[in-house]
Structures are given as C-alpha cells and as structure tokens.
C-alpha cells in the first residue's frame, strides 16, 4: 500500500505545502465518497495500514516511514524529520 501512496504523491511533490495538503484532502474526500465510506472509516483504514505490524515483516515498513518523513519535510515544511 505504501508504494501506491508514494505514486499518488509523486506527481505533487513540487507543490507548496498548502496546495499539497488541500490536494490530499480533496483526493481523500473523493475516494471516501466513491468507496461509500465515511471519512472516519477511511482514516482508520489508513491508520491501521500505517501503524499495525505487517504479517510479513518484523521490522517497521521502510516505505511507510518514508511517507511519514515526506509529510514532515514537505507538508509541514520542516527541515527536520
């Protein structure tokens, strides 16, 4: 799942933090609406995918950590992860 999230964000990597955040929020809404899920259900699914241990990995997932790092660097516009 992390590779799909990376692919979705890749095209917006050059955007300003505010536009990146608004675009992600828009995409989140559209996906929830078309999937027939509430925003809370979709958020909790994402949270589970990011935080729950994988059945196939004992270590933290590097791609998920990279997504979190991306948010720290680009969305919060913070130079420190």
PDB file of N, CA and C in Angstrom:
ATOM      1  N   UNK A   1       0.805  -1.191   0.000  1.00  0.00           N
ATOM      2  CA  UNK A   1       0.000   0.000   0.000  1.00  0.00           C
ATOM      3  C   UNK A   1       0.851   1.259   0.000  1.00  0.00           C
ATOM      4  N   UNK A   2       1.996   1.207   0.629  1.00  0.00           N
ATOM      5  CA  UNK A   2       2.856   2.381   0.676  1.00  0.00           C
ATOM      6  C   UNK A   2       3.318   2.781  -0.715  1.00  0.00           C
ATOM      7  N   UNK A   3       3.579   1.808  -1.577  1.00  0.00           N
ATOM      8  CA  UNK A   3       4.042   2.136  -2.930  1.00  0.00           C
ATOM      9  C   UNK A   3       2.955   2.875  -3.712  1.00  0.00           C
ATOM     10  N   UNK A   4       1.700   2.534  -3.485  1.00  0.00           N
ATOM     11  CA  UNK A   4       0.599   3.235  -4.149  1.00  0.00           C
ATOM     12  C   UNK A   4       0.505   4.667  -3.627  1.00  0.00           C
ATOM     13  N   UNK A   5       0.624   4.845  -2.321  1.00  0.00           N
ATOM     14  CA  UNK A   5       0.593   6.190  -1.739  1.00  0.00           C
ATOM     15  C   UNK A   5       1.752   7.033  -2.265  1.00  0.00           C
ATOM     16  N   UNK A   6       2.931   6.434  -2.368  1.00  0.00           N
ATOM     17  CA  UNK A   6       4.077   7.144  -2.940  1.00  0.00           C
ATOM     18  C   UNK A   6       3.780   7.583  -4.375  1.00  0.00           C
ATOM     19  N   UNK A   7       3.194   6.710  -5.159  1.00  0.00           N
ATOM     20  CA  UNK A   7       2.890   7.030  -6.554  1.00  0.00           C
ATOM     21  C   UNK A   7       1.891   8.186  -6.647  1.00  0.00           C
ATOM     22  N   UNK A   8       0.900   8.195  -5.766  1.00  0.00           N
ATOM     23  CA  UNK A   8      -0.088   9.276  -5.769  1.00  0.00           C
ATOM     24  C   UNK A   8       0.544  10.614  -5.399  1.00  0.00           C
ATOM     25  N   UNK A   9       1.479  10.592  -4.474  1.00  0.00           N
ATOM     26  CA  UNK A   9       2.128  11.829  -4.039  1.00  0.00           C
ATOM     27  C   UNK A   9       3.229  12.292  -4.982  1.00  0.00           C
ATOM     28  N   UNK A  10       3.777  11.396  -5.747  1.00  0.00           N
ATOM     29  CA  UNK A  10       4.915  11.728  -6.592  1.00  0.00           C
ATOM     30  C   UNK A  10       4.632  12.901  -7.533  1.00  0.00           C
ATOM     31  N   UNK A  11       3.467  12.921  -8.132  1.00  0.00           N
ATOM     32  CA  UNK A  11       3.132  13.992  -9.057  1.00  0.00           C
ATOM     33  C   UNK A  11       2.956  15.344  -8.397  1.00  0.00           C
ATOM     34  N   UNK A  12       2.720  15.374  -7.101  1.00  0.00           N
ATOM     35  CA  UNK A  12       2.501  16.630  -6.382  1.00  0.00           C
ATOM     36  C   UNK A  12       3.714  17.037  -5.551  1.00  0.00           C
ATOM     37  N   UNK A  13       4.797  16.356  -5.709  1.00  0.00           N
ATOM     38  CA  UNK A  13       5.985  16.604  -4.889  1.00  0.00           C
ATOM     39  C   UNK A  13       6.491  18.037  -4.994  1.00  0.00           C
ATOM     40  N   UNK A  14       6.268  18.692  -6.117  1.00  0.00           N
ATOM     41  CA  UNK A  14       6.762  20.054  -6.329  1.00  0.00           C
ATOM     42  C   UNK A  14       5.822  21.135  -5.799  1.00  0.00           C
ATOM     43  N   UNK A  15       4.640  20.752  -5.349  1.00  0.00           N
ATOM     44  CA  UNK A  15       3.641  21.728  -4.892  1.00  0.00           C
ATOM     45  C   UNK A  15       4.010  22.312  -3.528  1.00  0.00           C
ATOM     46  N   UNK A  16       3.472  23.487  -3.255  1.00  0.00           N
ATOM     47  CA  UNK A  16       3.662  24.130  -1.948  1.00  0.00           C
ATOM     48  C   UNK A  16       2.911  23.320  -0.899  1.00  0.00           C
ATOM     49  N   UNK A  17       3.347  23.400   0.367  1.00  0.00           N
ATOM     50  CA  UNK A  17       2.691  22.620   1.426  1.00  0.00           C
ATOM     51  C   UNK A  17       1.173  22.810   1.496  1.00  0.00           C
ATOM     52  N   UNK A  18       0.690  24.031   1.379  1.00  0.00           N
ATOM     53  CA  UNK A  18      -0.761  24.266   1.474  1.00  0.00           C
ATOM     54  C   UNK A  18      -1.515  23.601   0.325  1.00  0.00           C
ATOM     55  N   UNK A  19      -0.959  23.691  -0.889  1.00  0.00           N
ATOM     56  CA  UNK A  19      -1.618  23.060  -2.036  1.00  0.00           C
ATOM     57  C   UNK A  19      -1.556  21.539  -1.949  1.00  0.00           C
ATOM     58  N   UNK A  20      -0.437  21.018  -1.482  1.00  0.00           N
ATOM     59  CA  UNK A  20      -0.290  19.575  -1.306  1.00  0.00           C
ATOM     60  C   UNK A  20      -1.310  19.057  -0.299  1.00  0.00           C
ATOM     61  N   UNK A  21      -1.465  19.784   0.797  1.00  0.00           N
ATOM     62  CA  UNK A  21      -2.434  19.392   1.824  1.00  0.00           C
ATOM     63  C   UNK A  21      -3.858  19.461   1.289  1.00  0.00           C
ATOM     64  N   UNK A  22      -4.199  20.548   0.598  1.00  0.00           N
ATOM     65  CA  UNK A  22      -5.550  20.691   0.046  1.00  0.00           C
ATOM     66  C   UNK A  22      -5.824  19.623  -1.012  1.00  0.00           C
ATOM     67  N   UNK A  23      -4.824  19.323  -1.833  1.00  0.00           N
ATOM     68  CA  UNK A  23      -4.996  18.280  -2.842  1.00  0.00           C
ATOM     69  C   UNK A  23      -5.203  16.907  -2.222  1.00  0.00           C
ATOM     70  N   UNK A  24      -4.441  16.615  -1.175  1.00  0.00           N
ATOM     71  CA  UNK A  24      -4.599  15.331  -0.486  1.00  0.00           C
ATOM     72  C   UNK A  24      -5.977  15.239   0.171  1.00  0.00           C
ATOM     73  N   UNK A  25      -6.435  16.346   0.746  1.00  0.00           N
ATOM     74  CA  UNK A  25      -7.759  16.361   1.373  1.00  0.00           C
ATOM     75  C   UNK A  25      -8.852  16.141   0.333  1.00  0.00           C
ATOM     76  N   UNK A  26      -8.696  16.756  -0.823  1.00  0.00           N
ATOM     77  CA  UNK A  26      -9.662  16.596  -1.906  1.00  0.00           C
ATOM     78  C   UNK A  26      -9.694  15.148  -2.385  1.00  0.00           C
ATOM     79  N   UNK A  27      -8.524  14.573  -2.587  1.00  0.00           N
ATOM     80  CA  UNK A  27      -8.440  13.180  -3.013  1.00  0.00           C
ATOM     81  C   UNK A  27      -9.038  12.248  -1.963  1.00  0.00           C
ATOM     82  N   UNK A  28      -8.747  12.501  -0.693  1.00  0.00           N
ATOM     83  CA  UNK A  28      -9.282  11.719   0.419  1.00  0.00           C
ATOM     84  C   UNK A  28     -10.812  11.744   0.380  1.00  0.00           C
ATOM     85  N   UNK A  29     -11.395  12.942   0.212  1.00  0.00           N
ATOM     86  CA  UNK A  29     -12.849  13.076   0.166  1.00  0.00           C
ATOM     87  C   UNK A  29     -13.445  12.293  -1.006  1.00  0.00           C
ATOM     88  N   UNK A  30     -12.867  12.472  -2.196  1.00  0.00           N
ATOM     89  CA  UNK A  30     -13.396  11.820  -3.390  1.00  0.00           C
ATOM     90  C   UNK A  30     -13.311  10.299  -3.260  1.00  0.00           C
ATOM     91  N   UNK A  31     -12.204   9.802  -2.733  1.00  0.00           N
ATOM     92  CA  UNK A  31     -12.065   8.353  -2.565  1.00  0.00           C
ATOM     93  C   UNK A  31     -13.075   7.831  -1.546  1.00  0.00           C
ATOM     94  N   UNK A  32     -13.230   8.529  -0.428  1.00  0.00           N
ATOM     95  CA  UNK A  32     -14.207   8.097   0.586  1.00  0.00           C
ATOM     96  C   UNK A  32     -15.609   8.092   0.005  1.00  0.00           C
ATOM     97  N   UNK A  33     -15.962   9.151  -0.712  1.00  0.00           N
ATOM     98  CA  UNK A  33     -17.298   9.247  -1.297  1.00  0.00           C
ATOM     99  C   UNK A  33     -17.552   8.115  -2.292  1.00  0.00           C
ATOM    100  N   UNK A  34     -16.612   7.897  -3.206  1.00  0.00           N
ATOM    101  CA  UNK A  34     -16.812   6.879  -4.237  1.00  0.00           C
ATOM    102  C   UNK A  34     -16.706   5.460  -3.702  1.00  0.00           C
ATOM    103  N   UNK A  35     -15.976   5.281  -2.597  1.00  0.00           N
ATOM    104  CA  UNK A  35     -15.874   3.953  -1.983  1.00  0.00           C
ATOM    105  C   UNK A  35     -17.050   3.674  -1.043  1.00  0.00           C
ATOM    106  N   UNK A  36     -17.883   4.682  -0.820  1.00  0.00           N
ATOM    107  CA  UNK A  36     -19.027   4.513   0.074  1.00  0.00           C
ATOM    108  C   UNK A  36     -18.619   4.417   1.533  1.00  0.00           C
ATOM    109  N   UNK A  37     -17.530   5.099   1.880  1.00  0.00           N
ATOM    110  CA  UNK A  37     -17.019   5.065   3.252  1.00  0.00           C
ATOM    111  C   UNK A  37     -17.150   6.451   3.863  1.00  0.00           C
ATOM    112  N   UNK A  38     -17.270   6.482   5.171  1.00  0.00           N
ATOM    113  CA  UNK A  38     -17.204   7.774   5.848  1.00  0.00           C
ATOM    114  C   UNK A  38     -15.743   8.190   5.936  1.00  0.00           C
ATOM    115  N   UNK A  39     -15.515   9.465   6.172  1.00  0.00           N
ATOM    116  CA  UNK A  39     -14.139   9.955   6.331  1.00  0.00           C
ATOM    117  C   UNK A  39     -13.451   9.246   7.495  1.00  0.00           C
ATOM    118  N   UNK A  40     -14.189   8.981   8.550  1.00  0.00           N
ATOM    119  CA  UNK A  40     -13.624   8.298   9.708  1.00  0.00           C
ATOM    120  C   UNK A  40     -13.202   6.870   9.370  1.00  0.00           C
ATOM    121  N   UNK A  41     -14.040   6.161   8.612  1.00  0.00           N
ATOM    122  CA  UNK A  41     -13.695   4.798   8.208  1.00  0.00           C
ATOM    123  C   UNK A  41     -12.429   4.779   7.354  1.00  0.00           C
ATOM    124  N   UNK A  42     -12.351   5.704   6.411  1.00  0.00           N
ATOM    125  CA  UNK A  42     -11.185   5.761   5.540  1.00  0.00           C
ATOM    126  C   UNK A  42      -9.941   6.137   6.322  1.00  0.00           C
ATOM    127  N   UNK A  43     -10.064   7.097   7.237  1.00  0.00           N
ATOM    128  CA  UNK A  43      -8.928   7.483   8.083  1.00  0.00           C
ATOM    129  C   UNK A  43      -8.446   6.297   8.914  1.00  0.00           C
ATOM    130  N   UNK A  44      -9.376   5.589   9.540  1.00  0.00           N
ATOM    131  CA  UNK A  44      -8.990   4.453  10.390  1.00  0.00           C
ATOM    132  C   UNK A  44      -8.367   3.319   9.576  1.00  0.00           C
ATOM    133  N   UNK A  45      -8.808   3.124   8.354  1.00  0.00           N
ATOM    134  CA  UNK A  45      -8.176   2.137   7.482  1.00  0.00           C
ATOM    135  C   UNK A  45      -6.730   2.553   7.208  1.00  0.00           C
ATOM    136  N   UNK A  46      -6.533   3.806   6.844  1.00  0.00           N
ATOM    137  CA  UNK A  46      -5.176   4.299   6.604  1.00  0.00           C
ATOM    138  C   UNK A  46      -4.303   4.195   7.839  1.00  0.00           C
ATOM    139  N   UNK A  47      -4.857   4.564   8.976  1.00  0.00           N
ATOM    140  CA  UNK A  47      -4.104   4.484  10.239  1.00  0.00           C
ATOM    141  C   UNK A  47      -3.683   3.058  10.534  1.00  0.00           C
ATOM    142  N   UNK A  48      -4.583   2.127  10.300  1.00  0.00           N
ATOM    143  CA  UNK A  48      -4.267   0.718  10.535  1.00  0.00           C
ATOM    144  C   UNK A  48      -3.153   0.256   9.608  1.00  0.00           C
ATOM    145  N   UNK A  49      -3.224   0.650   8.341  1.00  0.00           N
ATOM    146  CA  UNK A  49      -2.202   0.242   7.383  1.00  0.00           C
ATOM    147  C   UNK A  49      -0.829   0.820   7.722  1.00  0.00           C
ATOM    148  N   UNK A  50      -0.805   2.025   8.285  1.00  0.00           N
ATOM    149  CA  UNK A  50       0.469   2.664   8.625  1.00  0.00           C
ATOM    150  C   UNK A  50       1.030   2.136   9.944  1.00  0.00           C
ATOM    151  N   UNK A  51       0.176   1.914  10.928  1.00  0.00           N
ATOM    152  CA  UNK A  51       0.677   1.624  12.280  1.00  0.00           C
ATOM    153  C   UNK A  51       0.676   0.163  12.693  1.00  0.00           C
ATOM    154  N   UNK A  52      -0.184  -0.654  12.129  1.00  0.00           N
ATOM    155  CA  UNK A  52      -0.232  -2.054  12.562  1.00  0.00           C
ATOM    156  C   UNK A  52       0.917  -2.853  11.952  1.00  0.00           C
ATOM    157  N   UNK A  53       1.472  -3.770  12.709  1.00  0.00           N
ATOM    158  CA  UNK A  53       2.540  -4.597  12.157  1.00  0.00           C
ATOM    159  C   UNK A  53       2.036  -5.431  10.980  1.00  0.00           C
ATOM    160  N   UNK A  54       2.878  -5.614  10.021  1.00  0.00           N
ATOM    161  CA  UNK A  54       2.541  -6.434   8.859  1.00  0.00           C
ATOM    162  C   UNK A  54       2.711  -7.902   9.217  1.00  0.00           C
ATOM    163  N   UNK A  55       1.913  -8.730   8.590  1.00  0.00           N
ATOM    164  CA  UNK A  55       2.035 -10.166   8.813  1.00  0.00           C
ATOM    165  C   UNK A  55       3.352 -10.712   8.278  1.00  0.00           C
ATOM    166  N   UNK A  56       3.960  -9.982   7.328  1.00  0.00           N
ATOM    167  CA  UNK A  56       5.146 -10.483   6.648  1.00  0.00           C
ATOM    168  C   UNK A  56       6.431  -9.751   7.028  1.00  0.00           C
ATOM    169  N   UNK A  57       6.356  -8.793   7.947  1.00  0.00           N
ATOM    170  CA  UNK A  57       7.537  -8.016   8.311  1.00  0.00           C
ATOM    171  C   UNK A  57       7.647  -7.898   9.828  1.00  0.00           C
ATOM    172  N   UNK A  58       8.826  -8.188  10.358  1.00  0.00           N
ATOM    173  CA  UNK A  58       9.072  -7.986  11.781  1.00  0.00           C
ATOM    174  C   UNK A  58       9.531  -6.563  12.068  1.00  0.00           C
ATOM    175  N   UNK A  59      10.170  -5.927  11.091  1.00  0.00           N
ATOM    176  CA  UNK A  59      10.674  -4.569  11.238  1.00  0.00           C
ATOM    177  C   UNK A  59       9.627  -3.576  10.741  1.00  0.00           C
ATOM    178  N   UNK A  60       9.756  -2.302  11.145  1.00  0.00           N
ATOM    179  CA  UNK A  60       8.858  -1.290  10.577  1.00  0.00           C
ATOM    180  C   UNK A  60       9.021  -1.229   9.059  1.00  0.00           C
ATOM    181  N   UNK A  61       7.969  -0.933   8.388  1.00  0.00           N
ATOM    182  CA  UNK A  61       7.977  -0.866   6.930  1.00  0.00           C
ATOM    183  C   UNK A  61       8.665   0.424   6.492  1.00  0.00           C
ATOM    184  N   UNK A  62       9.740   0.308   5.739  1.00  0.00           N
ATOM    185  CA  UNK A  62      10.530   1.466   5.312  1.00  0.00           C
ATOM    186  C   UNK A  62       9.719   2.403   4.423  1.00  0.00           C
ATOM    187  N   UNK A  63       8.848   1.864   3.577  1.00  0.00           N
ATOM    188  CA  UNK A  63       8.041   2.724   2.710  1.00  0.00           C
ATOM    189  C   UNK A  63       7.052   3.551   3.513  1.00  0.00           C
ATOM    190  N   UNK A  64       6.466   2.959   4.558  1.00  0.00           N
ATOM    191  CA  UNK A  64       5.545   3.716   5.409  1.00  0.00           C
ATOM    192  C   UNK A  64       6.302   4.816   6.151  1.00  0.00           C
ATOM    193  N   UNK A  65       7.488   4.502   6.629  1.00  0.00           N
ATOM    194  CA  UNK A  65       8.299   5.516   7.310  1.00  0.00           C
ATOM    195  C   UNK A  65       8.674   6.628   6.339  1.00  0.00           C
ATOM    196  N   UNK A  66       8.945   6.287   5.096  1.00  0.00           N
ATOM    197  CA  UNK A  66       9.266   7.304   4.097  1.00  0.00           C
ATOM    198  C   UNK A  66       8.072   8.229   3.853  1.00  0.00           C
ATOM    199  N   UNK A  67       6.863   7.686   3.875  1.00  0.00           N
ATOM    200  CA  UNK A  67       5.670   8.529   3.734  1.00  0.00           C
ATOM    201  C   UNK A  67       5.569   9.514   4.891  1.00  0.00           C
ATOM    202  N   UNK A  68       5.820   9.044   6.082  1.00  0.00           N
ATOM    203  CA  UNK A  68       5.765   9.921   7.259  1.00  0.00           C
ATOM    204  C   UNK A  68       6.853  10.981   7.178  1.00  0.00           C
ATOM    205  N   UNK A  69       8.028  10.591   6.715  1.00  0.00           N
ATOM    206  CA  UNK A  69       9.114  11.551   6.553  1.00  0.00           C
ATOM    207  C   UNK A  69       8.743  12.606   5.509  1.00  0.00           C
ATOM    208  N   UNK A  70       8.127  12.171   4.411  1.00  0.00           N
ATOM    209  CA  UNK A  70       7.693  13.094   3.367  1.00  0.00           C
ATOM    210  C   UNK A  70       6.757  14.148   3.944  1.00  0.00           C
ATOM    211  N   UNK A  71       5.813  13.707   4.760  1.00  0.00           N
ATOM    212  CA  UNK A  71       4.870  14.652   5.366  1.00  0.00           C
ATOM    213  C   UNK A  71       5.601  15.649   6.257  1.00  0.00           C
ATOM    214  N   UNK A  72       6.571  15.179   7.005  1.00  0.00           N
ATOM    215  CA  UNK A  72       7.332  16.084   7.856  1.00  0.00           C
ATOM    216  C   UNK A  72       8.129  17.096   7.060  1.00  0.00           C
ATOM    217  N   UNK A  73       8.711  16.643   5.966  1.00  0.00           N
ATOM    218  CA  UNK A  73       9.551  17.525   5.152  1.00  0.00           C
ATOM    219  C   UNK A  73       8.751  18.455   4.250  1.00  0.00           C
ATOM    220  N   UNK A  74       7.723  17.938   3.583  1.00  0.00           N
ATOM    221  CA  UNK A  74       7.011  18.729   2.571  1.00  0.00           C
ATOM    222  C   UNK A  74       5.724  19.365   3.067  1.00  0.00           C
ATOM    223  N   UNK A  75       4.926  18.627   3.811  1.00  0.00           N
ATOM    224  CA  UNK A  75       3.631  19.165   4.234  1.00  0.00           C
ATOM    225  C   UNK A  75       3.788  20.154   5.395  1.00  0.00           C
ATOM    226  N   UNK A  76       4.592  19.785   6.370  1.00  0.00           N
ATOM    227  CA  UNK A  76       4.845  20.698   7.493  1.00  0.00           C
ATOM    228  C   UNK A  76       5.932  21.701   7.166  1.00  0.00           C
ATOM    229  N   UNK A  77       6.598  21.494   6.034  1.00  0.00           N
ATOM    230  CA  UNK A  77       7.680  22.366   5.600  1.00  0.00           C
ATOM    231  C   UNK A  77       8.781  22.445   6.668  1.00  0.00           C
ATOM    232  N   UNK A  78       9.052  21.310   7.272  1.00  0.00           N
ATOM    233  CA  UNK A  78      10.054  21.217   8.329  1.00  0.00           C
ATOM    234  C   UNK A  78      11.333  20.595   7.777  1.00  0.00           C
ATOM    235  N   UNK A  79      12.489  21.228   8.015  1.00  0.00           N
ATOM    236  CA  UNK A  79      13.732  20.657   7.516  1.00  0.00           C
ATOM    237  C   UNK A  79      14.212  19.439   8.307  1.00  0.00           C
ATOM    238  N   UNK A  80      13.577  19.192   9.448  1.00  0.00           N
ATOM    239  CA  UNK A  80      13.974  18.070  10.309  1.00  0.00           C
ATOM    240  C   UNK A  80      12.854  17.053  10.342  1.00  0.00           C
ATOM    241  N   UNK A  81      13.219  15.799  10.139  1.00  0.00           N
ATOM    242  CA  UNK A  81      12.218  14.719  10.166  1.00  0.00           C
ATOM    243  C   UNK A  81      11.931  14.357  11.598  1.00  0.00           C
TER     244      UNK A  81
END
